[in-house]
Structures are given as structure tokens and as C-alpha cells.
Protein backbone atom coordinates (compact mmCIF):
# COMPACT_ATOMS: atom_id res chain seq x y z
CA UNK A 1 -77.64 -5.64 -6.99
CA UNK A 2 -75.25 -8.25 -5.62
CA UNK A 3 -75.50 -8.92 -1.90
CA UNK A 4 -72.58 -8.28 0.49
CA UNK A 5 -71.58 -11.26 2.64
CA UNK A 6 -68.93 -11.99 5.27
CA UNK A 7 -67.78 -15.38 6.57
CA UNK A 8 -69.52 -16.14 9.84
CA UNK A 9 -72.23 -13.49 9.56
CA UNK A 10 -75.01 -15.98 8.91
CA UNK A 11 -74.22 -18.39 11.74
CA UNK A 12 -72.07 -16.31 14.03
CA UNK A 13 -69.13 -18.67 13.38
CA UNK A 14 -65.69 -16.86 13.54
CA UNK A 15 -64.42 -18.30 10.26
CA UNK A 16 -61.37 -15.98 9.93
CA UNK A 17 -60.24 -16.60 13.50
CA UNK A 18 -60.61 -20.35 13.18
CA UNK A 19 -58.73 -20.44 9.87
CA UNK A 20 -55.91 -18.27 11.22
CA UNK A 21 -55.46 -20.42 14.33
CA UNK A 22 -55.53 -23.67 12.40
CA UNK A 23 -52.99 -22.41 9.83
CA UNK A 24 -50.72 -21.07 12.58
CA UNK A 25 -50.90 -24.37 14.45
CA UNK A 26 -49.97 -26.22 11.27
CA UNK A 27 -47.14 -23.78 10.41
CA UNK A 28 -45.54 -23.20 13.81
CA UNK A 29 -43.48 -26.40 14.26
CA UNK A 30 -41.90 -26.27 10.81
CA UNK A 31 -41.42 -22.50 10.93
CA UNK A 32 -39.77 -22.77 14.34
CA UNK A 33 -37.36 -25.46 13.12
CA UNK A 34 -36.48 -23.33 10.08
CA UNK A 35 -35.94 -20.22 12.21
CA UNK A 36 -33.59 -22.12 14.54
CA UNK A 37 -31.58 -23.45 11.61
CA UNK A 38 -31.52 -20.02 9.87
CA UNK A 39 -30.22 -18.34 13.03
CA UNK A 40 -27.53 -20.98 13.42
CA UNK A 41 -26.42 -20.76 9.77
CA UNK A 42 -26.25 -16.95 9.84
CA UNK A 43 -24.32 -17.08 13.11
CA UNK A 44 -21.79 -19.49 11.58
CA UNK A 45 -21.48 -17.40 8.42
CA UNK A 46 -20.76 -14.33 10.54
CA UNK A 47 -18.21 -16.23 12.63
CA UNK A 48 -16.42 -17.59 9.57
CA UNK A 49 -16.34 -14.12 8.02
CA UNK A 50 -14.75 -12.75 11.19
CA UNK A 51 -12.29 -15.63 11.29
CA UNK A 52 -11.23 -15.22 7.66
CA UNK A 53 -10.76 -11.48 8.16
CA UNK A 54 -8.60 -12.09 11.25
CA UNK A 55 -6.40 -14.62 9.45
CA UNK A 56 -6.01 -12.28 6.45
CA UNK A 57 -4.96 -9.44 8.77
CA UNK A 58 -2.29 -11.65 10.34
CA UNK A 59 -1.09 -12.69 6.89
CA UNK A 60 -0.45 -9.03 6.08
CA UNK A 61 2.02 -8.93 8.98
CA UNK A 62 3.60 -12.17 7.71
CA UNK A 63 4.06 -10.75 4.22
CA UNK A 64 5.96 -7.76 5.59
CA UNK A 65 8.11 -10.04 7.73
CA UNK A 66 8.79 -12.24 4.71
CA UNK A 67 10.26 -9.41 2.62
CA UNK A 68 14.09 -9.50 2.67
CA UNK A 69 14.06 -5.69 2.59
CA UNK A 70 12.66 -5.72 6.12
CA UNK A 71 16.04 -7.03 7.27
CA UNK A 72 18.21 -5.28 4.69
CA UNK A 73 17.67 -1.68 5.66
CA UNK A 74 20.58 0.38 6.93
CA UNK A 75 20.99 3.56 8.90
CA UNK A 76 23.58 6.07 7.72
CA UNK A 77 24.65 9.16 9.63
CA UNK A 78 26.90 12.14 9.00
CA UNK A 79 28.54 14.03 11.84
CA UNK A 80 28.02 17.31 9.95
CA UNK A 81 24.94 17.47 7.75
CA UNK A 82 25.65 21.13 6.95
CA UNK A 83 28.54 19.81 4.85
CA UNK A 84 27.48 16.29 3.86
CA UNK A 85 24.24 14.28 3.91
CA UNK A 86 24.27 10.49 3.54
CA UNK A 87 21.79 7.68 2.91
CA UNK A 88 22.17 3.92 2.73
CA UNK A 89 20.31 1.25 0.74
CA UNK A 90 19.84 -2.48 1.21
CA UNK A 91 23.24 -3.39 -0.27
CA UNK A 92 25.28 -1.12 2.02
CA UNK A 93 27.89 -2.65 4.28
CA UNK A 94 28.10 -1.53 7.91
CA UNK A 95 31.24 0.50 8.58
CA UNK A 96 32.78 3.85 9.52
CA UNK A 97 34.31 6.36 7.11
CA UNK A 98 35.98 9.78 7.22
CA UNK A 99 35.08 12.33 4.55
CA UNK A 100 36.30 15.84 3.75
CA UNK A 101 34.33 18.00 1.32
CA UNK A 102 36.89 19.90 -0.73
CA UNK A 103 34.60 21.46 -3.36
CA UNK A 104 30.96 21.62 -4.40
CA UNK A 105 29.84 21.20 -8.00
CA UNK A 106 28.96 24.33 -9.94
CA UNK A 107 27.19 25.10 -13.21
CA UNK A 108 29.12 27.39 -15.52
CA UNK A 109 27.71 30.81 -16.40
CA UNK A 110 29.19 33.06 -19.09
CA UNK A 111 28.28 36.71 -19.70
CA UNK A 112 28.84 39.03 -22.66
CA UNK A 113 29.90 42.63 -22.44
CA UNK A 114 27.11 45.15 -21.89
CA UNK A 115 25.01 46.32 -24.85
CA UNK A 116 22.74 49.33 -25.06
CA UNK A 117 19.59 47.23 -24.86
CA UNK A 118 18.01 43.92 -25.89
CA UNK A 119 17.35 45.19 -29.40
CA UNK A 120 20.98 46.12 -30.10
CA UNK A 121 22.35 44.38 -33.21
CA UNK A 122 25.40 42.25 -32.47
CA UNK A 123 26.23 40.84 -35.90
CA UNK A 124 25.47 38.08 -38.39
CA UNK A 125 27.13 34.73 -39.02
CA UNK A 126 27.02 31.41 -37.23
CA UNK A 127 27.59 30.45 -33.60
CA UNK A 128 29.10 27.00 -33.05
CA UNK A 129 28.45 25.86 -29.47
CA UNK A 130 30.02 22.81 -27.80
CA UNK A 131 29.40 21.38 -24.31
CA UNK A 132 29.38 17.96 -22.67
CA UNK A 133 30.59 16.23 -25.83
CA UNK A 134 27.72 17.65 -27.90
CA UNK A 135 27.80 20.31 -30.61
CA UNK A 136 25.16 22.43 -32.29
CA UNK A 137 25.10 25.53 -34.45
CA UNK A 138 22.93 28.64 -34.52
CA UNK A 139 22.52 30.72 -37.68
CA UNK A 140 22.31 34.46 -37.07
CA UNK A 141 21.05 36.74 -39.84
CA UNK A 142 19.47 40.17 -40.13
CA UNK A 143 16.20 38.85 -38.66
CA UNK A 144 17.68 37.67 -35.36
CA UNK A 145 21.01 39.50 -34.94
CA UNK A 146 19.77 41.53 -31.95
CA UNK A 147 20.75 40.47 -28.45
CA UNK A 148 17.19 39.23 -27.83
CA UNK A 149 17.12 37.46 -31.20
CA UNK A 150 20.36 35.62 -30.47
CA UNK A 151 19.00 34.57 -27.06
CA UNK A 152 15.89 33.10 -28.65
CA UNK A 153 17.83 31.41 -31.43
CA UNK A 154 20.11 29.62 -28.96
CA UNK A 155 17.23 28.45 -26.76
CA UNK A 156 15.25 27.04 -29.69
CA UNK A 157 18.18 25.58 -31.63
CA UNK A 158 17.95 21.97 -32.75
CA UNK A 159 20.44 19.78 -30.88
CA UNK A 160 20.75 22.13 -27.91
CA UNK A 161 21.48 19.76 -24.96
CA UNK A 162 19.95 22.12 -22.42
CA UNK A 163 22.08 25.26 -22.54
CA UNK A 164 20.04 28.32 -21.52
CA UNK A 165 20.48 31.87 -22.81
CA UNK A 166 19.03 34.80 -20.85
CA UNK A 167 19.36 38.58 -20.76
CA UNK A 168 20.31 40.54 -17.65
CA UNK A 169 20.15 44.34 -17.63
CA UNK A 170 22.52 45.99 -15.15
CA UNK A 171 24.15 49.41 -14.75
CA UNK A 172 26.75 48.25 -17.29
CA UNK A 173 24.10 47.54 -19.96
CA UNK A 174 22.24 44.46 -21.17
CA UNK A 175 24.26 41.25 -21.06
CA UNK A 176 23.71 37.89 -22.77
CA UNK A 177 24.16 35.18 -20.10
CA UNK A 178 24.83 31.57 -21.07
CA UNK A 179 24.12 28.85 -18.47
CA UNK A 180 25.54 25.36 -19.05
CA UNK A 181 23.20 22.38 -19.28
CA UNK A 182 24.46 20.96 -15.99
CA UNK A 183 27.07 21.19 -13.29
CA UNK A 184 30.63 19.90 -13.59
CA UNK A 185 33.62 20.65 -15.75
CA UNK A 186 32.44 18.32 -18.54
CA UNK A 187 29.51 20.66 -19.18
CA UNK A 188 31.70 23.75 -19.72
CA UNK A 189 30.58 25.71 -22.78
CA UNK A 190 32.69 26.76 -25.79
CA UNK A 191 31.23 29.35 -28.21
CA UNK A 192 32.82 30.20 -31.55
CA UNK A 193 31.58 32.82 -34.02
CA UNK A 194 32.04 31.88 -37.68
CA UNK A 195 31.64 34.79 -40.14
CA UNK A 196 32.12 35.41 -43.84
CA UNK A 197 32.57 38.39 -46.18
CA UNK A 198 28.86 39.07 -46.36
CA UNK A 199 28.28 39.17 -42.61
CA UNK A 200 27.82 42.39 -40.71
CA UNK A 201 28.58 43.52 -37.18
CA UNK A 202 30.86 41.67 -34.83
CA UNK A 203 29.43 38.30 -33.75
CA UNK A 204 32.87 37.44 -32.34
CA UNK A 205 31.90 39.49 -29.28
CA UNK A 206 30.21 36.29 -28.11
CA UNK A 207 33.27 34.06 -28.43
CA UNK A 208 34.41 31.95 -25.48
CA UNK A 209 37.27 29.42 -25.56
CA UNK A 210 38.40 28.05 -22.17
CA UNK A 211 41.89 27.48 -23.63
CA UNK A 212 42.29 31.05 -24.90
CA UNK A 213 44.26 33.58 -22.91
CA UNK A 214 41.42 36.09 -23.02
CA UNK A 215 37.80 36.08 -24.19
CA UNK A 216 35.10 38.64 -24.95
CA UNK A 217 32.68 36.52 -22.87
CA UNK A 218 33.64 36.38 -19.20
CA UNK A 219 33.12 33.62 -16.64
CA UNK A 220 30.62 34.57 -13.94
CA UNK A 221 30.41 31.10 -12.39
CA UNK A 222 33.13 28.54 -12.93
CA UNK A 223 32.30 25.04 -14.14
CA UNK A 224 33.41 22.80 -11.31
CA UNK A 225 33.14 19.20 -10.17
CA UNK A 226 32.32 18.27 -6.62
CA UNK A 227 35.36 16.85 -4.88
CA UNK A 228 35.65 14.86 -1.68
CA UNK A 229 38.38 13.02 0.17
CA UNK A 230 37.11 9.63 1.35
CA UNK A 231 39.47 7.80 3.70
CA UNK A 232 42.40 9.35 1.88
CA UNK A 233 41.03 8.82 -1.65
CA UNK A 234 40.07 11.76 -3.84
CA UNK A 235 36.81 11.42 -5.74
CA UNK A 236 35.05 13.81 -8.10
CA UNK A 237 31.50 14.06 -9.40
CA UNK A 238 29.86 16.31 -11.96
CA UNK A 239 26.97 16.74 -9.52
CA UNK A 240 26.97 17.08 -5.75
CA UNK A 241 25.92 13.44 -5.42
CA UNK A 242 28.33 10.51 -5.07
CA UNK A 243 26.43 7.26 -5.58
CA UNK A 244 29.33 4.94 -6.42
CA UNK A 245 31.88 5.97 -3.82
CA UNK A 246 30.66 3.40 -1.27
CA UNK A 247 28.54 0.45 -2.42
CA UNK A 248 24.93 0.87 -1.45
CA UNK A 249 25.39 4.44 -0.23
CA UNK A 250 24.79 7.94 -1.55
CA UNK A 251 26.82 10.93 -0.37
CA UNK A 252 25.34 14.36 -1.07
CA UNK A 253 27.66 17.35 -0.81
CA UNK A 254 26.07 20.41 0.76
CA UNK A 255 28.98 22.77 1.37
CA UNK A 256 32.77 22.70 1.16
CA UNK A 257 35.16 22.83 4.12
CA UNK A 258 38.41 20.99 3.31
CA UNK A 259 39.66 21.33 6.91
CA UNK A 260 36.71 19.54 8.54
CA UNK A 261 36.69 15.76 8.89
CA UNK A 262 33.18 14.30 8.74
CA UNK A 263 32.45 10.93 10.35
CA UNK A 264 30.09 8.73 8.34
CA UNK A 265 28.63 5.65 10.04
CA UNK A 266 26.58 2.83 8.51
CA UNK A 267 24.73 0.22 10.59
CA UNK A 268 21.86 -2.24 10.21
CA UNK A 269 18.40 -0.72 10.56
CA UNK A 270 17.29 -2.82 13.52
CA UNK A 271 14.32 -0.55 14.26
CA UNK A 272 12.38 -1.55 11.14
CA UNK A 273 13.16 -5.22 11.72
CA UNK A 274 12.09 -5.07 15.36
CA UNK A 275 8.85 -3.29 14.42
CA UNK A 276 8.05 -6.04 11.91
CA UNK A 277 8.66 -8.72 14.56
CA UNK A 278 6.47 -6.87 17.06
CA UNK A 279 3.70 -6.57 14.45
CA UNK A 280 3.99 -10.31 13.82
CA UNK A 281 3.56 -11.06 17.53
CA UNK A 282 0.70 -8.58 17.88
CA UNK A 283 -1.05 -9.96 14.80
CA UNK A 284 -0.66 -13.54 15.97
CA UNK A 285 -2.03 -12.74 19.43
CA UNK A 286 -4.99 -10.91 17.93
CA UNK A 287 -5.80 -13.91 15.74
CA UNK A 288 -5.29 -16.35 18.60
CA UNK A 289 -7.55 -14.32 20.90
CA UNK A 290 -10.25 -14.27 18.24
CA UNK A 291 -9.96 -18.05 17.88
CA UNK A 292 -10.25 -18.45 21.64
CA UNK A 293 -13.38 -16.27 21.72
CA UNK A 294 -15.04 -18.17 18.87
CA UNK A 295 -14.37 -21.58 20.43
CA UNK A 296 -14.79 -20.78 24.15
CA UNK A 297 -17.36 -22.28 26.52
CA UNK A 298 -18.55 -20.32 29.54
CA UNK A 299 -19.39 -22.76 32.31
CA UNK A 300 -21.10 -20.05 34.34
CA UNK A 301 -23.50 -18.86 31.65
CA UNK A 302 -23.56 -22.24 29.91
CA UNK A 303 -22.94 -20.44 26.59
CA UNK A 304 -20.57 -21.50 23.82
CA UNK A 305 -18.70 -19.52 21.20
CA UNK A 306 -20.08 -19.50 17.67
CA UNK A 307 -17.47 -22.02 16.46
CA UNK A 308 -17.09 -24.09 19.63
CA UNK A 309 -16.34 -27.67 18.56
CA UNK A 310 -15.93 -26.67 14.88
CA UNK A 311 -13.46 -28.92 13.06
CA UNK A 312 -12.05 -26.23 10.74
CA UNK A 313 -11.31 -23.94 13.66
CA UNK A 314 -9.67 -26.78 15.57
CA UNK A 315 -7.45 -27.53 12.57
CA UNK A 316 -6.49 -23.84 12.30
CA UNK A 317 -5.58 -23.66 15.99
CA UNK A 318 -3.50 -26.82 15.64
CA UNK A 319 -1.73 -25.44 12.54
CA UNK A 320 -0.83 -22.21 14.33
CA UNK A 321 0.49 -24.11 17.34
CA UNK A 322 2.65 -26.37 15.17
CA UNK A 323 4.04 -23.46 13.13
CA UNK A 324 5.00 -21.50 16.23
CA UNK A 325 6.80 -24.43 17.86
CA UNK A 326 8.46 -26.05 14.80
CA UNK A 327 12.11 -25.44 13.97
CA UNK A 328 13.00 -23.84 10.64
CA UNK A 329 14.98 -26.09 8.33
CA UNK A 330 18.17 -24.43 7.10
CA UNK A 331 18.45 -21.89 9.91
CA UNK A 332 21.30 -21.83 12.43
CA UNK A 333 20.83 -24.74 14.83
CA UNK A 334 20.73 -22.55 17.94
CA UNK A 335 18.44 -19.94 16.37
CA UNK A 336 15.95 -21.93 14.34
CA UNK A 337 12.87 -21.53 16.59
CA UNK A 338 10.95 -18.57 17.97
CA UNK A 339 11.61 -19.76 21.51
CA UNK A 340 15.37 -19.48 20.97
CA UNK A 341 14.86 -15.93 19.76
CA UNK A 342 12.85 -15.01 22.87
CA UNK A 343 9.26 -15.48 21.67
CA UNK A 344 7.33 -18.09 23.66
CA UNK A 345 3.77 -19.45 23.50
CA UNK A 346 1.52 -19.58 26.57
CA UNK A 347 0.32 -23.06 27.53
CA UNK A 348 -3.20 -21.73 28.05
CA UNK A 349 -4.65 -19.62 25.27
CA UNK A 350 -1.62 -19.98 22.99
CA UNK A 351 -0.76 -16.27 22.83
CA UNK A 352 2.86 -15.19 22.43
CA UNK A 353 5.04 -13.28 24.87
CA UNK A 354 8.30 -11.51 24.03
CA UNK A 355 11.61 -11.38 25.87
CA UNK A 356 12.74 -7.96 24.61
CA UNK A 357 16.24 -8.31 26.02
CA UNK A 358 16.90 -11.56 24.13
CA UNK A 359 15.43 -10.27 20.87
CA UNK A 360 17.40 -7.01 20.98
CA UNK A 361 20.59 -8.92 21.74
CA UNK A 362 19.98 -11.27 18.81
CA UNK A 363 19.30 -8.35 16.47
CA UNK A 364 22.49 -6.68 17.68
CA UNK A 365 24.84 -9.66 17.52
CA UNK A 366 23.18 -12.09 15.07
CA UNK A 367 21.22 -9.89 12.73
CA UNK A 368 21.69 -12.12 9.68
CA UNK A 369 20.57 -15.23 11.58
CA UNK A 370 17.39 -13.45 12.69
CA UNK A 371 16.78 -12.41 9.07
CA UNK A 372 17.20 -16.03 7.96
CA UNK A 373 14.71 -17.20 10.59
CA UNK A 374 11.94 -14.88 9.43
CA UNK A 375 12.45 -13.61 5.88
CA UNK A 376 12.76 -14.91 2.34
CA UNK A 377 10.92 -17.67 0.51
CA UNK A 378 12.10 -20.30 2.99
CA UNK A 379 11.74 -18.35 6.23
CA UNK A 380 9.22 -18.86 8.99
CA UNK A 381 6.95 -16.10 7.69
CA UNK A 382 6.69 -17.70 4.24
CA UNK A 383 6.13 -21.15 5.72
CA UNK A 384 3.39 -19.94 8.05
CA UNK A 385 1.73 -17.88 5.31
CA UNK A 386 1.61 -20.94 3.04
CA UNK A 387 0.00 -22.98 5.84
CA UNK A 388 -2.65 -20.30 6.38
CA UNK A 389 -3.35 -20.12 2.64
CA UNK A 390 -4.84 -23.61 2.95
CA UNK A 391 -7.55 -22.01 5.06
CA UNK A 392 -8.03 -18.60 3.40
CA UNK A 393 -7.54 -19.26 -0.33
CA UNK A 394 -10.49 -19.51 -2.72
CA UNK A 395 -10.19 -23.31 -2.39
CA UNK A 396 -9.36 -23.23 1.32
CA UNK A 397 -11.31 -24.89 4.12
CA UNK A 398 -12.79 -21.62 5.44
CA UNK A 399 -14.13 -20.75 2.00
CA UNK A 400 -15.41 -24.29 1.49
CA UNK A 401 -17.24 -24.16 4.81
CA UNK A 402 -18.61 -20.72 3.93
CA UNK A 403 -19.84 -21.98 0.57
CA UNK A 404 -21.57 -24.91 2.29
CA UNK A 405 -23.26 -22.59 4.80
CA UNK A 406 -24.39 -20.25 2.04
CA UNK A 407 -25.90 -23.23 0.22
CA UNK A 408 -27.71 -24.19 3.43
CA UNK A 409 -28.99 -20.63 3.81
CA UNK A 410 -30.28 -20.71 0.25
CA UNK A 411 -31.96 -24.08 0.87
CA UNK A 412 -33.61 -22.78 4.05
CA UNK A 413 -34.91 -19.77 2.15
CA UNK A 414 -36.42 -22.08 -0.44
CA UNK A 415 -37.97 -24.24 2.28
CA UNK A 416 -39.52 -21.20 3.95
CA UNK A 417 -40.95 -20.02 0.63
CA UNK A 418 -42.38 -23.52 0.05
CA UNK A 419 -43.87 -23.49 3.57
CA UNK A 420 -45.46 -20.09 2.98
CA UNK A 421 -46.93 -21.32 -0.30
CA UNK A 422 -48.29 -24.49 1.34
CA UNK A 423 -49.81 -22.50 4.19
CA UNK A 424 -51.40 -20.11 1.71
CA UNK A 425 -53.07 -23.02 -0.04
CA UNK A 426 -54.11 -24.53 3.30
CA UNK A 427 -55.61 -21.21 4.36
CA UNK A 428 -57.63 -21.08 1.14
CA UNK A 429 -58.89 -24.63 1.68
CA UNK A 430 -59.84 -24.01 5.32
CA UNK A 431 -61.54 -20.76 4.37
CA UNK A 432 -63.61 -22.52 1.72
CA UNK A 433 -64.53 -25.34 4.10
CA UNK A 434 -65.55 -23.13 7.01
CA UNK A 435 -67.41 -20.76 4.71
CA UNK A 436 -69.47 -23.71 3.48
CA UNK A 437 -70.06 -24.78 7.07
CA UNK A 438 -71.10 -21.25 7.93
CA UNK A 439 -73.60 -21.23 5.07
CA UNK A 440 -74.96 -24.65 6.12
CA UNK A 441 -75.33 -23.56 9.71
CA UNK A 442 -77.03 -20.35 8.56
CA UNK A 443 -79.54 -22.41 6.52
CA UNK A 444 -80.21 -24.78 9.41
CA UNK A 445 -80.74 -21.82 11.69
CA UNK A 446 -83.33 -20.38 9.26
CA UNK A 447 -85.15 -23.75 9.07
CA UNK A 448 -85.17 -24.04 12.84
CA UNK A 449 -86.72 -20.62 13.21
CA UNK A 450 -89.45 -21.46 10.63
CA UNK A 451 -90.35 -24.68 12.40
CA UNK A 452 -90.47 -22.94 15.73
CA UNK A 453 -92.93 -20.37 14.40
CA UNK A 454 -95.10 -23.09 12.86
CA UNK A 455 -95.23 -25.07 16.09
CA UNK A 456 -96.08 -21.93 17.97
CA UNK A 457 -99.09 -21.38 15.71
CA UNK A 458 -100.62 -24.85 16.36
């Protein structure tokens, strides 16, 4: 049976303890240097991630400010929305108008005389139907000459532009009701029954000709265009919407009252523009505060921000400062800087402050000049966004620095793995050496005991 042995048992030498201490002493300096560098690299990676995120957030505010639509919105109001609702787009022109709603658009409805029920036979032949410049025909024979059959034949007819046939049963009997495809006089329906010698019944009961003196079909709802009076001009529309009456505006008729004058006002939407400017200032200050935190040095605690003294961060701070204080080429000479608008930069910290009175006055009296300052491909927002792209793009300095730090982190990981491997080998070598020493000392101890016994026996 093989014997069981343990390092140090023979001589009493603590082989494992000695090996562990020697390996730790050998490893500690290098491991400590690696740990310090790993902590620093990870701290910088975290700081650069925070910085890039902060810049990207500010760029979102810049992109909104850059959009011309931010400064092209308009507010439109109607003094009586029970009669007329209005809306304005980006191409509307500020102004005041007076509108009277003389008529609302209606969809024509025709009804036949009453029949006994839906299965009552009306007659055979052909129905020619015209509406809105379109014509289609419906063949009626013995299989579909009932009131219900004619309804279904009209609804499923090829070429039907949207005319609907329904049945309504009242005290006067069951009536075939024809509803035009849409509102307005142009959609008025004409129905003509065409019969021959072999046809039965009286399909002509469904005739309707708007030019005839009398008709078997009666008008339940008149086909009518909407009609308004706009600053003395009469306008009509097949629907209750007028989209071409005033450029960039839509007027929606709700109800008619020819005796009521409605005031319609159109003005620039300064609220949206002001909100975008405020978001720009807020976003800039948030970014600037983050930069200040990352580069600060606390003299009391003797602690520095994660990016204190970092060249990329210094370049970014300088870029922001230059963009804020530089005049915009092509803008009006007395409104080509943020300071002239009422936005100033603090000497310490670089954050922006807003003079609300000056900004509101500029938006009220020089709206187009403010739009030129901020928006479009050549405005301040676009210029600043392009400058920041040099830091945040895939080839930008922040990404380049991040890539370099990630490479360092990878290298440090490899160095730590190499150190662990070297220490493992060293541990094996020390273990072998001290185990041999242990065995030698154990043998010497045995020899010493033998000699002592022999001397004692003399």
C-alpha cells in the first residue's frame, strides 16, 4: 500500500506556509502596480462614457433647434369654434381674417316609395347610375328584382364609386335609400331605369333625375357644398374643409350661421421656439456642469476629477466656449451672437444664463432673425453640432481615447494572466524545492537519532 505523506511532516518544516509567503512577496509589487493601473483605466473609461453620453444628450437639443420647423410653426385661432375650426402649417402667413359660414356640406340621400317588404319584386331591366363624373350599370333580372336584391346588386356592382344602398322599414313600408359616395353637389346621384319588351314590373319606380320636374325617388338629404364668405369672397368646397382658401391654413366648417362674423387670427408659434431655446440652454448647462465635475480639483480634500488635466476634455471645453461666443456668419449684424439675443456665459464655470425679457422681445419683434441665428444648415445649432461631432463620431477624439483605454485594459488583463501563470510556476518550483529540503531534513533527523542511541549504548 502506498504511504501517505505531507510536506513538512518529516521535519516539522511549514512548507506550504513558506511557499505561500514567498510567492506572495514575489507577486505583490507587480500585482499592486497592475491593480493601480486597472483602477485608473476603468475610471477613465467610465468618465469618457459619461462624457460622451452628456455630449450626445446636448446634441439632441441642438438637432431640434436646427430644424426650420421649430421656427416655422404658427398658431391659428377662431373666435367661434362652434362654427369654424382653424389650423395653420409652416407656410402660413400671420394675419387676421373675417369669415362667415353660410352653409355646411351635405351628402345626398334619396329614398324610394314604400314597398310591402324587402322581398317585394320591383321589376327587371337595367339601372344606369351616374355620380361625380362616373357611371356604372346594374342588371336586374328575376333573380334579384326584389328590393333586397336590388340593394345588393347596387352595392356589389363593378365601377360603383362608393354609392351605398340600404333598406329602411318605416310605417310607410320598406324604402330603398341611396347615399351618395361623398358630400357636395358634384356627388349628386342620377338613376335611370332602362327596360325592354321582355322586362316585367316597374323598375322606373327607382328613377331620379335632378333636372326633372318630379321623380319617383325623393330627396331626403340635399347634396350641398360647404360655403363660406372670407373677407368678402365667396368660396365653396365639396367637403367641410377648406385647405386652399388661405395658404398654409385649413378651415373646417362645423355649423352654419350666415349672420355671425368669425375672427380668424394667425401668428407665429413663439412657444415652441422658446421651448427649444430653453432646452438648448438647459442641455448646454448640464453638459458644462458635467465637464466641470470631471475636471475639478478640490483643494480641501486634495482630490481631482476623473478627467482633471485630460487634453480631450480641455479641447471640448475650449470648443464649447468658442462656439458660444462666436458670431454667426450671414446673420443680422446686431443679432448674430447669443449675447445679443440675451444668452450670456458665466466667466467662472461657463454655464449660460438667460435674459427672458430680451429673448421674448426678440421673438416678438425679430422672429425671423432669431430663426436665422439658430436654425437651418448654416445656423448656430448646425455649426455647434458639427463641432461636437469631431468628439462624438466613430472617428472622434472621445471614441479614439476610449479605444486606446480599452486596448490598455485588454493589455493589463493579459499581463495579469501572465503574472498568475508565472506565479503558478514559481509556486510549483518552490514547493518542489522545499519538499526536497523537508525530506533531507527528515533523513538527517533520523540519522541524528540513530547516532544518539548508539552513543548512549557505549
